[in-house]
PDB file of N, CA and C in Angstrom:
ATOM      1  N   MET A   1       0.880  -1.197   0.049  1.00  0.00           N
ATOM      2  CA  MET A   1      -0.009  -0.015   0.077  1.00  0.00           C
ATOM      3  C   MET A   1       0.904   1.245  -0.025  1.00  0.00           C
ATOM      4  N   PRO A   2       0.842   2.093  -1.100  1.00  0.00           N
ATOM      5  CA  PRO A   2       1.777   3.223  -1.183  1.00  0.00           C
ATOM      6  C   PRO A   2       1.237   4.184  -0.042  1.00  0.00           C
ATOM      7  N   ILE A   3       2.147   4.902   0.537  1.00  0.00           N
ATOM      8  CA  ILE A   3       1.846   5.914   1.598  1.00  0.00           C
ATOM      9  C   ILE A   3       2.745   7.211   1.226  1.00  0.00           C
ATOM     10  N   LYS A   4       2.114   8.391   1.279  1.00  0.00           N
ATOM     11  CA  LYS A   4       2.784   9.568   1.120  1.00  0.00           C
ATOM     12  C   LYS A   4       2.348  10.478   2.274  1.00  0.00           C
ATOM     13  N   ILE A   5       3.393  11.275   2.607  1.00  0.00           N
ATOM     14  CA  ILE A   5       3.002  12.364   3.619  1.00  0.00           C
ATOM     15  C   ILE A   5       2.870  13.639   2.603  1.00  0.00           C
ATOM     16  N   ILE A   6       1.685  14.328   2.822  1.00  0.00           N
ATOM     17  CA  ILE A   6       1.423  15.500   2.048  1.00  0.00           C
ATOM     18  C   ILE A   6       0.963  16.468   3.060  1.00  0.00           C
ATOM     19  N   ASP A   7       1.650  17.647   3.045  1.00  0.00           N
ATOM     20  CA  ASP A   7       1.229  18.742   4.021  1.00  0.00           C
ATOM     21  C   ASP A   7       0.888  18.275   5.514  1.00  0.00           C
ATOM     22  N   GLY A   8       1.695  17.352   5.936  1.00  0.00           N
ATOM     23  CA  GLY A   8       1.423  16.828   7.404  1.00  0.00           C
ATOM     24  C   GLY A   8       0.430  15.750   7.368  1.00  0.00           C
ATOM     25  N   TYR A   9      -0.315  15.412   6.428  1.00  0.00           N
ATOM     26  CA  TYR A   9      -1.230  14.284   6.364  1.00  0.00           C
ATOM     27  C   TYR A   9      -0.592  13.110   5.742  1.00  0.00           C
ATOM     28  N   GLU A  10      -0.949  11.933   6.509  1.00  0.00           N
ATOM     29  CA  GLU A  10      -0.401  10.724   5.944  1.00  0.00           C
ATOM     30  C   GLU A  10      -1.495  10.108   4.991  1.00  0.00           C
ATOM     31  N   VAL A  11      -1.336   9.908   3.671  1.00  0.00           N
ATOM     32  CA  VAL A  11      -2.196   9.507   2.766  1.00  0.00           C
ATOM     33  C   VAL A  11      -1.900   8.103   2.308  1.00  0.00           C
ATOM     34  N   GLU A  12      -2.775   7.164   2.571  1.00  0.00           N
ATOM     35  CA  GLU A  12      -2.698   5.766   1.991  1.00  0.00           C
ATOM     36  C   GLU A  12      -3.671   5.706   0.753  1.00  0.00           C
ATOM     37  N   PHE A  13      -2.990   5.226  -0.347  1.00  0.00           N
ATOM     38  CA  PHE A  13      -3.768   4.970  -1.491  1.00  0.00           C
ATOM     39  C   PHE A  13      -3.440   3.717  -2.127  1.00  0.00           C
ATOM     40  N   THR A  14      -4.493   2.950  -2.601  1.00  0.00           N
ATOM     41  CA  THR A  14      -4.200   1.574  -3.054  1.00  0.00           C
ATOM     42  C   THR A  14      -5.172   1.206  -4.096  1.00  0.00           C
ATOM     43  N   GLY A  15      -4.842   0.158  -4.879  1.00  0.00           N
ATOM     44  CA  GLY A  15      -5.773  -0.425  -5.967  1.00  0.00           C
ATOM     45  C   GLY A  15      -5.978  -1.705  -5.303  1.00  0.00           C
ATOM     46  N   GLU A  16      -7.188  -2.153  -5.246  1.00  0.00           N
ATOM     47  CA  GLU A  16      -7.547  -3.467  -4.654  1.00  0.00           C
ATOM     48  C   GLU A  16      -8.448  -4.107  -5.735  1.00  0.00           C
ATOM     49  N   ALA A  17      -8.292  -5.439  -5.860  1.00  0.00           N
ATOM     50  CA  ALA A  17      -9.129  -6.220  -6.678  1.00  0.00           C
ATOM     51  C   ALA A  17     -10.503  -6.271  -6.232  1.00  0.00           C
ATOM     52  N   LEU A  18     -11.517  -6.093  -7.180  1.00  0.00           N
ATOM     53  CA  LEU A  18     -12.811  -6.093  -6.618  1.00  0.00           C
ATOM     54  C   LEU A  18     -13.460  -7.436  -6.621  1.00  0.00           C
ATOM     55  N   GLU A  19     -14.170  -7.874  -5.611  1.00  0.00           N
ATOM     56  CA  GLU A  19     -14.688  -9.157  -5.419  1.00  0.00           C
ATOM     57  C   GLU A  19     -15.568  -9.581  -6.504  1.00  0.00           C
ATOM     58  N   GLY A  20     -15.207 -10.813  -7.022  1.00  0.00           N
ATOM     59  CA  GLY A  20     -16.148 -11.357  -8.071  1.00  0.00           C
ATOM     60  C   GLY A  20     -15.786 -10.850  -9.404  1.00  0.00           C
ATOM     61  N   ALA A  21     -14.882  -9.992  -9.689  1.00  0.00           N
ATOM     62  CA  ALA A  21     -14.496  -9.349 -10.915  1.00  0.00           C
ATOM     63  C   ALA A  21     -12.994  -9.323 -11.147  1.00  0.00           C
ATOM     64  N   ALA A  22     -12.754  -9.304 -12.380  1.00  0.00           N
ATOM     65  CA  ALA A  22     -11.217  -9.245 -12.743  1.00  0.00           C
ATOM     66  C   ALA A  22     -10.760  -7.787 -12.858  1.00  0.00           C
ATOM     67  N   GLN A  23     -11.437  -6.944 -12.132  1.00  0.00           N
ATOM     68  CA  GLN A  23     -11.075  -5.482 -12.273  1.00  0.00           C
ATOM     69  C   GLN A  23     -10.722  -4.944 -10.872  1.00  0.00           C
ATOM     70  N   TRP A  24     -10.151  -3.696 -10.903  1.00  0.00           N
ATOM     71  CA  TRP A  24      -9.568  -3.155  -9.728  1.00  0.00           C
ATOM     72  C   TRP A  24     -10.264  -1.823  -9.337  1.00  0.00           C
ATOM     73  N   GLY A  25     -10.475  -1.546  -8.004  1.00  0.00           N
ATOM     74  CA  GLY A  25     -11.009  -0.326  -7.573  1.00  0.00           C
ATOM     75  C   GLY A  25      -9.784   0.559  -6.820  1.00  0.00           C
ATOM     76  N   ALA A  26     -10.179   1.894  -6.732  1.00  0.00           N
ATOM     77  CA  ALA A  26      -9.273   2.737  -6.137  1.00  0.00           C
ATOM     78  C   ALA A  26      -9.762   3.148  -4.681  1.00  0.00           C
ATOM     79  N   PHE A  27      -8.795   3.071  -3.624  1.00  0.00           N
ATOM     80  CA  PHE A  27      -9.118   3.317  -2.339  1.00  0.00           C
ATOM     81  C   PHE A  27      -8.220   4.260  -1.635  1.00  0.00           C
ATOM     82  N   VAL A  28      -8.778   5.113  -0.745  1.00  0.00           N
ATOM     83  CA  VAL A  28      -7.968   6.033  -0.095  1.00  0.00           C
ATOM     84  C   VAL A  28      -8.325   6.164   1.414  1.00  0.00           C
ATOM     85  N   SER A  29      -7.389   6.399   2.268  1.00  0.00           N
ATOM     86  CA  SER A  29      -7.530   6.575   3.674  1.00  0.00           C
ATOM     87  C   SER A  29      -6.431   7.784   4.057  1.00  0.00           C
ATOM     88  N   ILE A  30      -6.997   8.676   4.957  1.00  0.00           N
ATOM     89  CA  ILE A  30      -6.041   9.803   5.371  1.00  0.00           C
ATOM     90  C   ILE A  30      -6.096   9.881   6.842  1.00  0.00           C
ATOM     91  N   PHE A  31      -4.782  10.208   7.282  1.00  0.00           N
ATOM     92  CA  PHE A  31      -4.650  10.385   8.707  1.00  0.00           C
ATOM     93  C   PHE A  31      -3.964  11.819   8.929  1.00  0.00           C
ATOM     94  N   ALA A  32      -4.288  12.386  10.123  1.00  0.00           N
ATOM     95  CA  ALA A  32      -3.759  13.708  10.455  1.00  0.00           C
ATOM     96  C   ALA A  32      -2.880  13.517  11.768  1.00  0.00           C
ATOM     97  N   PRO A  33      -1.988  14.303  12.054  1.00  0.00           N
ATOM     98  CA  PRO A  33      -1.304  14.286  13.470  1.00  0.00           C
ATOM     99  C   PRO A  33      -2.299  14.647  14.568  1.00  0.00           C
ATOM    100  N   SER A  34      -1.952  13.998  15.661  1.00  0.00           N
ATOM    101  CA  SER A  34      -2.805  14.346  16.898  1.00  0.00           C
ATOM    102  C   SER A  34      -1.984  14.936  17.901  1.00  0.00           C
ATOM    103  N   ALA A  35      -2.583  15.244  19.030  1.00  0.00           N
ATOM    104  CA  ALA A  35      -1.836  15.787  20.250  1.00  0.00           C
ATOM    105  C   ALA A  35      -0.808  14.684  20.818  1.00  0.00           C
ATOM    106  N   ASN A  36      -1.133  13.470  20.623  1.00  0.00           N
ATOM    107  CA  ASN A  36      -0.271  12.265  21.035  1.00  0.00           C
ATOM    108  C   ASN A  36       0.668  11.950  19.847  1.00  0.00           C
ATOM    109  N   PRO A  37       1.949  12.184  20.041  1.00  0.00           N
ATOM    110  CA  PRO A  37       2.920  11.896  18.960  1.00  0.00           C
ATOM    111  C   PRO A  37       3.018  10.344  18.470  1.00  0.00           C
ATOM    112  N   MET A  38       2.409   9.576  19.364  1.00  0.00           N
ATOM    113  CA  MET A  38       2.375   8.179  18.934  1.00  0.00           C
ATOM    114  C   MET A  38       1.018   7.760  18.221  1.00  0.00           C
ATOM    115  N   HIS A  39       0.305   8.698  18.015  1.00  0.00           N
ATOM    116  CA  HIS A  39      -1.107   8.321  17.398  1.00  0.00           C
ATOM    117  C   HIS A  39      -1.471   9.364  16.324  1.00  0.00           C
ATOM    118  N   LEU A  40      -2.046   8.727  15.277  1.00  0.00           N
ATOM    119  CA  LEU A  40      -2.606   9.528  14.207  1.00  0.00           C
ATOM    120  C   LEU A  40      -4.100   9.488  14.204  1.00  0.00           C
ATOM    121  N   MET A  41      -4.736  10.692  13.989  1.00  0.00           N
ATOM    122  CA  MET A  41      -6.216  10.731  13.849  1.00  0.00           C
ATOM    123  C   MET A  41      -6.657  10.211  12.371  1.00  0.00           C
ATOM    124  N   HIS A  42      -7.467   9.326  12.392  1.00  0.00           N
ATOM    125  CA  HIS A  42      -8.105   8.745  11.089  1.00  0.00           C
ATOM    126  C   HIS A  42      -9.245   9.645  10.595  1.00  0.00           C
ATOM    127  N   ILE A  43      -8.877  10.660   9.818  1.00  0.00           N
ATOM    128  CA  ILE A  43      -9.925  11.615   9.369  1.00  0.00           C
ATOM    129  C   ILE A  43     -10.619  11.182   8.235  1.00  0.00           C
ATOM    130  N   VAL A  44     -10.157  10.397   7.369  1.00  0.00           N
ATOM    131  CA  VAL A  44     -10.840   9.867   6.306  1.00  0.00           C
ATOM    132  C   VAL A  44     -10.608   8.320   6.203  1.00  0.00           C
ATOM    133  N   PRO A  45     -11.599   7.585   6.878  1.00  0.00           N
ATOM    134  CA  PRO A  45     -11.549   6.185   6.779  1.00  0.00           C
ATOM    135  C   PRO A  45     -11.389   5.571   5.388  1.00  0.00           C
ATOM    136  N   LYS A  46     -10.778   4.453   5.220  1.00  0.00           N
ATOM    137  CA  LYS A  46     -10.561   3.850   4.078  1.00  0.00           C
ATOM    138  C   LYS A  46     -11.800   3.730   3.222  1.00  0.00           C
ATOM    139  N   ARG A  47     -11.901   4.206   2.042  1.00  0.00           N
ATOM    140  CA  ARG A  47     -13.117   4.093   1.247  1.00  0.00           C
ATOM    141  C   ARG A  47     -12.714   4.052  -0.241  1.00  0.00           C
ATOM    142  N   ARG A  48     -13.560   3.504  -0.975  1.00  0.00           N
ATOM    143  CA  ARG A  48     -13.498   3.426  -2.454  1.00  0.00           C
ATOM    144  C   ARG A  48     -13.750   4.827  -2.952  1.00  0.00           C
ATOM    145  N   VAL A  49     -12.895   5.380  -3.724  1.00  0.00           N
ATOM    146  CA  VAL A  49     -13.084   6.649  -4.487  1.00  0.00           C
ATOM    147  C   VAL A  49     -13.101   6.346  -5.971  1.00  0.00           C
ATOM    148  N   SER A  50     -13.878   7.193  -6.686  1.00  0.00           N
ATOM    149  CA  SER A  50     -14.207   7.006  -8.082  1.00  0.00           C
ATOM    150  C   SER A  50     -14.958   5.754  -8.275  1.00  0.00           C
ATOM    151  N   ALA A  51     -15.977   5.526  -7.401  1.00  0.00           N
ATOM    152  CA  ALA A  51     -16.691   4.210  -7.412  1.00  0.00           C
ATOM    153  C   ALA A  51     -17.326   3.948  -8.622  1.00  0.00           C
ATOM    154  N   ASP A  52     -17.509   4.968  -9.499  1.00  0.00           N
ATOM    155  CA  ASP A  52     -18.129   4.613 -10.942  1.00  0.00           C
ATOM    156  C   ASP A  52     -17.118   3.974 -11.909  1.00  0.00           C
ATOM    157  N   GLN A  53     -15.829   4.005 -11.527  1.00  0.00           N
ATOM    158  CA  GLN A  53     -14.869   3.558 -12.407  1.00  0.00           C
ATOM    159  C   GLN A  53     -14.214   2.263 -11.824  1.00  0.00           C
ATOM    160  N   VAL A  54     -13.791   1.380 -12.899  1.00  0.00           N
ATOM    161  CA  VAL A  54     -13.024   0.153 -12.568  1.00  0.00           C
ATOM    162  C   VAL A  54     -11.785   0.244 -13.388  1.00  0.00           C
ATOM    163  N   PHE A  55     -10.766  -0.476 -13.081  1.00  0.00           N
ATOM    164  CA  PHE A  55      -9.490  -0.392 -13.688  1.00  0.00           C
ATOM    165  C   PHE A  55      -9.014  -1.710 -13.992  1.00  0.00           C
ATOM    166  N   SER A  56      -8.300  -1.763 -15.047  1.00  0.00           N
ATOM    167  CA  SER A  56      -7.839  -3.095 -15.493  1.00  0.00           C
ATOM    168  C   SER A  56      -6.616  -3.715 -14.790  1.00  0.00           C
ATOM    169  N   ASP A  57      -5.895  -2.771 -13.993  1.00  0.00           N
ATOM    170  CA  ASP A  57      -4.761  -3.209 -13.338  1.00  0.00           C
ATOM    171  C   ASP A  57      -4.593  -2.503 -11.990  1.00  0.00           C
ATOM    172  N   GLN A  58      -3.802  -2.937 -11.040  1.00  0.00           N
ATOM    173  CA  GLN A  58      -3.583  -2.293  -9.844  1.00  0.00           C
ATOM    174  C   GLN A  58      -2.936  -0.995 -10.069  1.00  0.00           C
ATOM    175  N   HIS A  59      -1.973  -0.783 -10.828  1.00  0.00           N
ATOM    176  CA  HIS A  59      -1.300   0.377 -11.114  1.00  0.00           C
ATOM    177  C   HIS A  59      -2.158   1.625 -11.394  1.00  0.00           C
ATOM    178  N   ALA A  60      -3.135   1.293 -12.362  1.00  0.00           N
ATOM    179  CA  ALA A  60      -3.981   2.296 -12.871  1.00  0.00           C
ATOM    180  C   ALA A  60      -4.931   2.740 -11.632  1.00  0.00           C
ATOM    181  N   ALA A  61      -5.375   1.796 -10.898  1.00  0.00           N
ATOM    182  CA  ALA A  61      -6.268   1.989  -9.776  1.00  0.00           C
ATOM    183  C   ALA A  61      -5.554   2.918  -8.733  1.00  0.00           C
ATOM    184  N   GLU A  62      -4.213   2.574  -8.433  1.00  0.00           N
ATOM    185  CA  GLU A  62      -3.383   3.347  -7.492  1.00  0.00           C
ATOM    186  C   GLU A  62      -3.198   4.851  -7.946  1.00  0.00           C
ATOM    187  N   LEU A  63      -3.033   5.056  -9.308  1.00  0.00           N
ATOM    188  CA  LEU A  63      -2.977   6.297  -9.861  1.00  0.00           C
ATOM    189  C   LEU A  63      -4.200   7.205  -9.690  1.00  0.00           C
ATOM    190  N   GLU A  64      -5.447   6.565  -9.824  1.00  0.00           N
ATOM    191  CA  GLU A  64      -6.671   7.249  -9.589  1.00  0.00           C
ATOM    192  C   GLU A  64      -6.741   7.461  -8.066  1.00  0.00           C
ATOM    193  N   ALA A  65      -6.436   6.599  -7.316  1.00  0.00           N
ATOM    194  CA  ALA A  65      -6.613   6.752  -5.783  1.00  0.00           C
ATOM    195  C   ALA A  65      -5.733   8.013  -5.495  1.00  0.00           C
ATOM    196  N   GLU A  66      -4.560   8.078  -5.992  1.00  0.00           N
ATOM    197  CA  GLU A  66      -3.706   9.204  -5.570  1.00  0.00           C
ATOM    198  C   GLU A  66      -4.290  10.450  -6.109  1.00  0.00           C
ATOM    199  N   ARG A  67      -4.805  10.529  -7.254  1.00  0.00           N
ATOM    200  CA  ARG A  67      -5.435  11.666  -7.787  1.00  0.00           C
ATOM    201  C   ARG A  67      -6.633  12.173  -6.853  1.00  0.00           C
ATOM    202  N   ALA A  68      -7.447  11.169  -6.483  1.00  0.00           N
ATOM    203  CA  ALA A  68      -8.626  11.416  -5.771  1.00  0.00           C
ATOM    204  C   ALA A  68      -8.054  11.956  -4.294  1.00  0.00           C
ATOM    205  N   ALA A  69      -7.141  11.367  -3.738  1.00  0.00           N
ATOM    206  CA  ALA A  69      -6.579  11.841  -2.431  1.00  0.00           C
ATOM    207  C   ALA A  69      -6.222  13.223  -2.524  1.00  0.00           C
ATOM    208  N   SER A  70      -5.608  13.678  -3.580  1.00  0.00           N
ATOM    209  CA  SER A  70      -5.327  15.056  -3.748  1.00  0.00           C
ATOM    210  C   SER A  70      -6.479  16.023  -3.671  1.00  0.00           C
ATOM    211  N   LEU A  71      -7.623  15.585  -4.349  1.00  0.00           N
ATOM    212  CA  LEU A  71      -8.741  16.375  -4.368  1.00  0.00           C
ATOM    213  C   LEU A  71      -9.349  16.363  -2.949  1.00  0.00           C
ATOM    214  N   ILE A  72      -9.383  15.324  -2.183  1.00  0.00           N
ATOM    215  CA  ILE A  72      -9.862  15.205  -0.871  1.00  0.00           C
ATOM    216  C   ILE A  72      -9.134  16.247   0.066  1.00  0.00           C
ATOM    217  N   LEU A  73      -7.783  16.227  -0.190  1.00  0.00           N
ATOM    218  CA  LEU A  73      -6.974  17.067   0.659  1.00  0.00           C
ATOM    219  C   LEU A  73      -7.265  18.638   0.424  1.00  0.00           C
ATOM    220  N   GLN A  74      -7.460  18.892  -0.845  1.00  0.00           N
ATOM    221  CA  GLN A  74      -7.909  20.252  -1.228  1.00  0.00           C
ATOM    222  C   GLN A  74      -9.131  20.640  -0.415  1.00  0.00           C
ATOM    223  N   GLN A  75     -10.068  19.752  -0.391  1.00  0.00           N
ATOM    224  CA  GLN A  75     -11.323  20.037   0.327  1.00  0.00           C
ATOM    225  C   GLN A  75     -11.118  20.212   1.772  1.00  0.00           C
ATOM    226  N   LEU A  76     -10.302  19.426   2.387  1.00  0.00           N
ATOM    227  CA  LEU A  76      -9.973  19.464   3.792  1.00  0.00           C
ATOM    228  C   LEU A  76      -9.221  20.793   4.151  1.00  0.00           C
ATOM    229  N   ARG A  77      -8.469  21.229   3.332  1.00  0.00           N
ATOM    230  CA  ARG A  77      -7.638  22.564   3.548  1.00  0.00           C
ATOM    231  C   ARG A  77      -8.608  23.824   3.421  1.00  0.00           C
ATOM    232  N   ALA A  78      -9.675  23.697   2.658  1.00  0.00           N
ATOM    233  CA  ALA A  78     -10.678  24.909   2.349  1.00  0.00           C
ATOM    234  C   ALA A  78     -11.422  25.264   3.564  1.00  0.00           C
TER     235      ALA A  78
END
């Protein structure tokens, strides 16, 4: 599962095989720092993004998940 730190947020994005299909979905989870340095706040629980799209491979799904995570972060900053 690829992880990036963007503006202090820990962003997990992944492509996962969809159950019962030979296709992939894009998933995102976002964490933010908390008052406890040993803990992160789970502000966006893992969810499927771009749910109306399916992808032929994991890499394509991960690229879409990363793009969607960028949009989610823009909304969080607004």
